[in-house]
Amino acid sequence: MSFWLTLIAYEAVWFAAVIGAGHGQWWPGVLGALAFAAWRLMASKHPRVEARLAVVALLLGFILENLWVRSGLVNYATPWPWATAPAWLMSLWLAFALTIVPLFGYLHARPALAAVFGAFGGPLAYLGAARGWHAVLLPAPMWPSLLALAAGWAIALPLLTGLARRWLQTDAVRSTP
């Protein structure tokens, strides 16, 4: 049940953030992500692991988003408070990090598969946000932007799943009597 509830709640945050940004509002995604984070950390069997993943994802997301925007590969609607990494988008990095333990356990020990999933899934999410709600702006031709997003997510997802695996193992050792 936790798997499906987490998946549905994450998707609700994604839609709130993207639709809100497409309509010039940054706050729906931020509020949704904060509520999701509070719930995930209270419901988690490994709240320290998930909190650490959230911090890493926020730092990684801030770096990648700045790189993509400064390179002219991506722009965002509703760029508050930073044009390079708006609050609504950083809320998605936060929420996504909190899905790594409950939804992506099958990728924790499979970095190559995580890279493939990241390379395809990341750009598809941005493309959906761009085409469906105009929250993301990808300049024409789009292929350089999609390629950069694929490369970034091919690094981000294996990094996050690998850290989850490592920290979950450490957490298990700590909790063993």
Protein backbone atom coordinates (compact mmCIF):
# COMPACT_ATOMS: atom_id res chain seq x y z
CA MET A 1 0.00 0.00 0.00
CA SER A 2 2.82 2.40 0.81
CA PHE A 3 4.21 1.96 -2.71
CA TRP A 4 0.99 3.06 -4.40
CA LEU A 5 0.25 5.80 -1.92
CA THR A 6 3.77 7.19 -2.36
CA LEU A 7 3.50 7.02 -6.15
CA ILE A 8 0.11 8.74 -6.23
CA ALA A 9 1.18 11.41 -3.73
CA TYR A 10 4.37 12.12 -5.68
CA GLU A 11 2.44 12.43 -8.93
CA ALA A 12 0.03 14.84 -7.22
CA VAL A 13 3.01 16.99 -6.18
CA TRP A 14 4.41 16.87 -9.73
CA PHE A 15 1.11 18.00 -11.24
CA ALA A 16 0.60 20.71 -8.60
CA ALA A 17 4.10 22.08 -9.24
CA VAL A 18 3.96 21.95 -13.03
CA ILE A 19 0.40 23.17 -13.48
CA GLY A 20 0.97 25.88 -10.88
CA ALA A 21 4.16 27.06 -12.58
CA GLY A 22 2.43 27.00 -15.95
CA HIS A 23 -0.13 29.40 -14.49
CA GLY A 24 2.46 31.70 -12.90
CA GLN A 25 2.20 30.29 -9.37
CA TRP A 26 5.21 28.81 -7.59
CA TRP A 27 3.53 27.93 -4.30
CA PRO A 28 1.31 24.89 -5.16
CA GLY A 29 4.36 22.71 -5.82
CA VAL A 30 6.24 23.98 -2.80
CA LEU A 31 3.30 23.40 -0.43
CA GLY A 32 2.62 20.00 -1.97
CA ALA A 33 6.26 18.95 -1.67
CA LEU A 34 6.48 20.12 1.94
CA ALA A 35 3.34 18.15 2.84
CA PHE A 36 4.67 15.13 0.95
CA ALA A 37 8.04 15.41 2.72
CA ALA A 38 6.41 15.64 6.15
CA TRP A 39 4.28 12.58 5.42
CA ARG A 40 7.16 10.56 3.90
CA LEU A 41 9.51 11.29 6.78
CA MET A 42 6.86 10.38 9.37
CA ALA A 43 5.83 7.20 7.52
CA SER A 44 9.36 6.08 6.64
CA LYS A 45 11.16 3.20 8.32
CA HIS A 46 14.38 5.04 7.43
CA PRO A 47 13.70 8.77 7.91
CA ARG A 48 17.41 9.65 8.32
CA VAL A 49 18.24 7.98 5.02
CA GLU A 50 15.41 9.72 3.20
CA ALA A 51 16.27 13.10 4.74
CA ARG A 52 19.90 12.72 3.63
CA LEU A 53 18.76 11.79 0.12
CA ALA A 54 16.59 14.90 0.06
CA VAL A 55 19.55 17.12 0.95
CA VAL A 56 21.76 15.51 -1.70
CA ALA A 57 19.00 15.76 -4.32
CA LEU A 58 18.42 19.43 -3.55
CA LEU A 59 22.13 20.20 -3.92
CA LEU A 60 22.45 18.11 -7.07
CA GLY A 61 19.27 19.60 -8.52
CA PHE A 62 20.44 23.13 -7.82
CA ILE A 63 23.76 22.45 -9.57
CA LEU A 64 22.19 20.74 -12.61
CA GLU A 65 19.38 23.27 -13.01
CA ASN A 66 21.85 26.16 -12.84
CA LEU A 67 24.05 24.44 -15.42
CA TRP A 68 21.17 23.80 -17.81
CA VAL A 69 19.69 27.29 -17.52
CA ARG A 70 23.03 29.10 -17.75
CA SER A 71 23.85 27.01 -20.83
CA GLY A 72 20.60 28.18 -22.46
CA LEU A 73 19.27 24.63 -22.68
CA VAL A 74 16.28 25.09 -20.36
CA ASN A 75 14.21 27.97 -19.02
CA TYR A 76 11.38 27.95 -16.54
CA ALA A 77 8.05 29.66 -16.15
CA THR A 78 7.55 31.28 -12.77
CA PRO A 79 11.26 31.63 -11.97
CA TRP A 80 10.86 32.68 -8.32
CA PRO A 81 13.15 33.15 -6.39
CA TRP A 82 15.90 32.15 -8.84
CA ALA A 83 15.59 32.05 -12.60
CA THR A 84 18.02 29.13 -12.68
CA ALA A 85 16.39 26.91 -10.06
CA PRO A 86 12.88 28.10 -9.18
CA ALA A 87 11.26 27.04 -5.92
CA TRP A 88 8.57 24.97 -7.64
CA LEU A 89 11.21 22.97 -9.50
CA MET A 90 13.40 22.45 -6.44
CA SER A 91 10.30 21.16 -4.69
CA LEU A 92 10.16 18.42 -7.33
CA TRP A 93 13.77 17.46 -6.62
CA LEU A 94 12.87 17.23 -2.93
CA ALA A 95 9.78 15.12 -3.57
CA PHE A 96 11.58 12.88 -6.06
CA ALA A 97 14.35 12.17 -3.56
CA LEU A 98 11.73 10.93 -1.12
CA THR A 99 10.57 8.31 -3.64
CA ILE A 100 14.01 6.69 -3.98
CA VAL A 101 13.64 4.34 -0.98
CA PRO A 102 9.99 3.29 -1.32
CA LEU A 103 9.68 3.22 -5.13
CA PHE A 104 13.11 2.50 -6.57
CA GLY A 105 14.45 -0.33 -4.41
CA TYR A 106 14.93 -2.49 -7.51
CA LEU A 107 17.44 0.07 -8.82
CA HIS A 108 19.54 0.41 -5.66
CA ALA A 109 21.97 -2.32 -6.75
CA ARG A 110 21.57 -1.74 -10.50
CA PRO A 111 23.36 1.51 -11.40
CA ALA A 112 23.35 0.82 -15.15
CA LEU A 113 19.60 0.28 -15.16
CA ALA A 114 19.15 3.38 -12.98
CA ALA A 115 21.17 5.37 -15.52
CA VAL A 116 18.96 4.14 -18.38
CA PHE A 117 15.79 4.95 -16.44
CA GLY A 118 17.17 8.37 -15.54
CA ALA A 119 18.25 9.08 -19.12
CA PHE A 120 14.74 8.39 -20.41
CA GLY A 121 12.50 9.34 -17.49
CA GLY A 122 14.10 12.66 -16.63
CA PRO A 123 13.79 14.24 -20.08
CA LEU A 124 10.26 12.84 -20.49
CA ALA A 125 9.16 14.61 -17.31
CA TYR A 126 10.62 17.91 -18.53
CA LEU A 127 9.08 17.40 -21.97
CA GLY A 128 5.69 16.74 -20.38
CA ALA A 129 6.00 19.90 -18.30
CA ALA A 130 6.99 21.84 -21.42
CA ARG A 131 4.36 20.56 -23.80
CA GLY A 132 1.48 20.04 -21.41
CA TRP A 133 1.66 23.12 -19.21
CA HIS A 134 4.42 25.37 -20.55
CA ALA A 135 6.17 25.29 -17.18
CA VAL A 136 9.46 24.37 -18.86
CA LEU A 137 10.76 26.09 -21.98
CA LEU A 138 13.05 24.04 -24.23
CA PRO A 139 14.54 26.06 -27.10
CA ALA A 140 14.38 24.78 -30.67
CA PRO A 141 15.89 22.51 -31.68
CA MET A 142 15.08 20.53 -28.55
CA TRP A 143 17.53 17.68 -28.99
CA PRO A 144 20.51 19.43 -27.28
CA SER A 145 18.31 20.19 -24.25
CA LEU A 146 16.92 16.67 -24.10
CA LEU A 147 20.42 15.23 -24.45
CA ALA A 148 21.71 17.40 -21.58
CA LEU A 149 18.74 16.43 -19.41
CA ALA A 150 19.33 12.76 -20.23
CA ALA A 151 22.99 13.03 -19.27
CA GLY A 152 22.19 14.80 -16.00
CA TRP A 153 19.51 12.32 -15.02
CA ALA A 154 21.68 9.37 -16.10
CA ILE A 155 24.06 10.57 -13.38
CA ALA A 156 21.50 11.74 -10.81
CA LEU A 157 19.35 8.62 -10.53
CA PRO A 158 22.21 6.10 -10.09
CA LEU A 159 23.86 8.45 -7.62
CA LEU A 160 20.70 8.73 -5.52
CA THR A 161 19.87 5.02 -5.69
CA GLY A 162 23.48 4.09 -4.88
CA LEU A 163 23.50 6.38 -1.87
CA ALA A 164 20.18 4.93 -0.76
CA ARG A 165 21.60 1.42 -0.92
CA ARG A 166 24.71 2.38 1.01
CA TRP A 167 22.86 4.37 3.68
CA LEU A 168 20.15 1.72 4.09
CA GLN A 169 22.85 -0.88 4.71
CA THR A 170 24.52 1.39 7.27
CA ASP A 171 21.13 2.09 8.87
CA ALA A 172 20.42 -1.67 9.10
CA VAL A 173 23.75 -2.29 10.82
CA ARG A 174 23.06 0.50 13.33
CA SER A 175 19.62 -0.85 14.20
CA THR A 176 20.80 -4.45 14.67
CA PRO A 177 20.95 -5.31 18.38
